[in-house]
C-alpha atoms as a PDB file:
ATOM      1  CA  MET A   1      -1.744   7.183   5.223  1.00  0.00           C
ATOM      2  CA  LYS A   2      -3.185   6.994   1.671  1.00  0.00           C
ATOM      3  CA  GLU A   3      -0.395   9.431   0.844  1.00  0.00           C
ATOM      4  CA  LEU A   4       2.366   7.426   2.104  1.00  0.00           C
ATOM      5  CA  ALA A   5       1.018   4.112   0.626  1.00  0.00           C
ATOM      6  CA  THR A   6       1.085   6.105  -2.715  1.00  0.00           C
ATOM      7  CA  LEU A   7       4.605   7.496  -2.329  1.00  0.00           C
ATOM      8  CA  LEU A   8       6.117   3.951  -1.417  1.00  0.00           C
ATOM      9  CA  LEU A   9       4.216   2.032  -4.407  1.00  0.00           C
ATOM     10  CA  LYS A  10       4.831   4.668  -6.944  1.00  0.00           C
ATOM     11  CA  SER A  11       8.721   4.326  -6.203  1.00  0.00           C
ATOM     12  CA  LEU A  12       8.649   0.639  -6.759  1.00  0.00           C
ATOM     13  CA  SER A  13       6.629   0.960 -10.024  1.00  0.00           C
ATOM     14  CA  SER A  14       7.891   1.449 -13.399  1.00  0.00           C
ATOM     15  CA  MET A  15       4.544   3.067 -14.604  1.00  0.00           C
ATOM     16  CA  PRO A  16       3.717   5.155 -11.507  1.00  0.00           C
ATOM     17  CA  ASP A  17       0.652   6.985 -13.026  1.00  0.00           C
ATOM     18  CA  ASN A  18      -0.955   3.921 -13.022  1.00  0.00           C
ATOM     19  CA  ILE A  19      -1.167   3.360  -9.117  1.00  0.00           C
ATOM     20  CA  VAL A  20      -4.406   4.165  -7.655  1.00  0.00           C
ATOM     21  CA  VAL A  21      -5.056   3.888  -3.972  1.00  0.00           C
ATOM     22  CA  GLU A  22      -8.291   4.307  -2.429  1.00  0.00           C
ATOM     23  CA  GLU A  23      -9.061   5.006   1.272  1.00  0.00           C
ATOM     24  CA  LYS A  24     -11.648   4.243   3.691  1.00  0.00           C
ATOM     25  CA  THR A  25     -11.860   4.805   7.429  1.00  0.00           C
ATOM     26  CA  GLU A  26     -13.934   3.370  10.205  1.00  0.00           C
ATOM     27  CA  ASP A  27     -13.285   4.333  14.047  1.00  0.00           C
ATOM     28  CA  ASN A  28      -9.577   3.780  14.309  1.00  0.00           C
ATOM     29  CA  LYS A  29      -9.051   1.547  11.464  1.00  0.00           C
ATOM     30  CA  ILE A  30      -7.821   2.801   7.750  1.00  0.00           C
ATOM     31  CA  PHE A  31      -8.592   0.425   4.840  1.00  0.00           C
ATOM     32  CA  LEU A  32      -6.468   1.091   1.907  1.00  0.00           C
ATOM     33  CA  SER A  33      -7.358  -0.829  -1.679  1.00  0.00           C
ATOM     34  CA  THR A  34      -4.761  -0.394  -4.265  1.00  0.00           C
ATOM     35  CA  LYS A  35      -4.517  -1.223  -7.928  1.00  0.00           C
ATOM     36  CA  VAL A  36      -1.607  -1.787  -9.704  1.00  0.00           C
ATOM     37  CA  ASP A  37      -0.434  -2.074 -13.514  1.00  0.00           C
ATOM     38  CA  THR A  38      -0.246  -5.630 -14.497  1.00  0.00           C
ATOM     39  CA  ALA A  39       3.441  -5.426 -15.542  1.00  0.00           C
ATOM     40  CA  ASP A  40       4.234  -4.022 -11.997  1.00  0.00           C
ATOM     41  CA  LYS A  41       2.570  -6.578  -9.906  1.00  0.00           C
ATOM     42  CA  GLY A  42       5.569  -8.641  -9.826  1.00  0.00           C
ATOM     43  CA  LYS A  43       7.707  -5.584  -8.325  1.00  0.00           C
ATOM     44  CA  VAL A  44       5.526  -4.541  -5.987  1.00  0.00           C
ATOM     45  CA  ILE A  45       4.795  -7.832  -4.697  1.00  0.00           C
ATOM     46  CA  GLY A  46       8.250  -9.231  -4.632  1.00  0.00           C
ATOM     47  CA  LYS A  47       9.669 -12.742  -4.078  1.00  0.00           C
ATOM     48  CA  ASP A  48       7.415 -14.458  -1.621  1.00  0.00           C
ATOM     49  CA  GLY A  49       5.733 -11.188  -1.134  1.00  0.00           C
ATOM     50  CA  CYS A  50       8.555  -9.707   0.708  1.00  0.00           C
ATOM     51  CA  ILE A  51       8.307  -6.188  -0.673  1.00  0.00           C
ATOM     52  CA  ILE A  52       4.497  -5.911  -0.206  1.00  0.00           C
ATOM     53  CA  LYS A  53       5.342  -7.145   3.314  1.00  0.00           C
ATOM     54  CA  ALA A  54       7.650  -4.224   4.030  1.00  0.00           C
ATOM     55  CA  VAL A  55       4.983  -1.600   2.786  1.00  0.00           C
ATOM     56  CA  ARG A  56       2.499  -2.918   5.138  1.00  0.00           C
ATOM     57  CA  THR A  57       4.996  -3.018   8.083  1.00  0.00           C
ATOM     58  CA  VAL A  58       5.723   0.773   7.244  1.00  0.00           C
ATOM     59  CA  LEU A  59       2.075   1.473   7.134  1.00  0.00           C
ATOM     60  CA  THR A  60       1.445  -0.150  10.178  1.00  0.00           C
ATOM     61  CA  ALA A  61       4.198   1.681  12.175  1.00  0.00           C
ATOM     62  CA  ALA A  62       3.102   5.038  10.696  1.00  0.00           C
ATOM     63  CA  ALA A  63      -0.724   4.250  11.843  1.00  0.00           C
ATOM     64  CA  ALA A  64       0.359   2.932  15.257  1.00  0.00           C
ATOM     65  CA  LYS A  65       1.926   6.412  15.883  1.00  0.00           C
ATOM     66  CA  GLN A  66      -1.668   7.797  15.459  1.00  0.00           C
ATOM     67  CA  ASN A  67      -3.195   5.065  17.525  1.00  0.00           C
ATOM     68  CA  LYS A  68      -4.845   3.390  14.386  1.00  0.00           C
ATOM     69  CA  LYS A  69      -4.762   0.239  12.399  1.00  0.00           C
ATOM     70  CA  VAL A  70      -4.049  -0.087   8.700  1.00  0.00           C
ATOM     71  CA  THR A  71      -5.179  -2.805   6.139  1.00  0.00           C
ATOM     72  CA  LEU A  72      -3.488  -2.843   2.402  1.00  0.00           C
ATOM     73  CA  LYS A  73      -5.193  -4.927  -0.163  1.00  0.00           C
ATOM     74  CA  LEU A  74      -3.764  -5.104  -3.752  1.00  0.00           C
ATOM     75  CA  GLU A  75      -6.918  -5.572  -5.979  1.00  0.00           C
ATOM     76  CA  ASP A  76      -6.403  -7.693  -9.223  1.00  0.00           C
END
């Protein structure tokens, strides 16, 4: 899941080297914490949050195939 989130976020970013994704797993839940460069936050979030919602939807679909739930959080 971490690899998929990293791939999606790096493809959206103009500074892909500054993307950091941390993963924590509990039972069948996956928690992803993401740090993005401040210049890229607007691109990653999108207008009204539509881009980050789409990333979360893709991650949720991938996690559902593994019978898991995923949460993506954008850190400041």
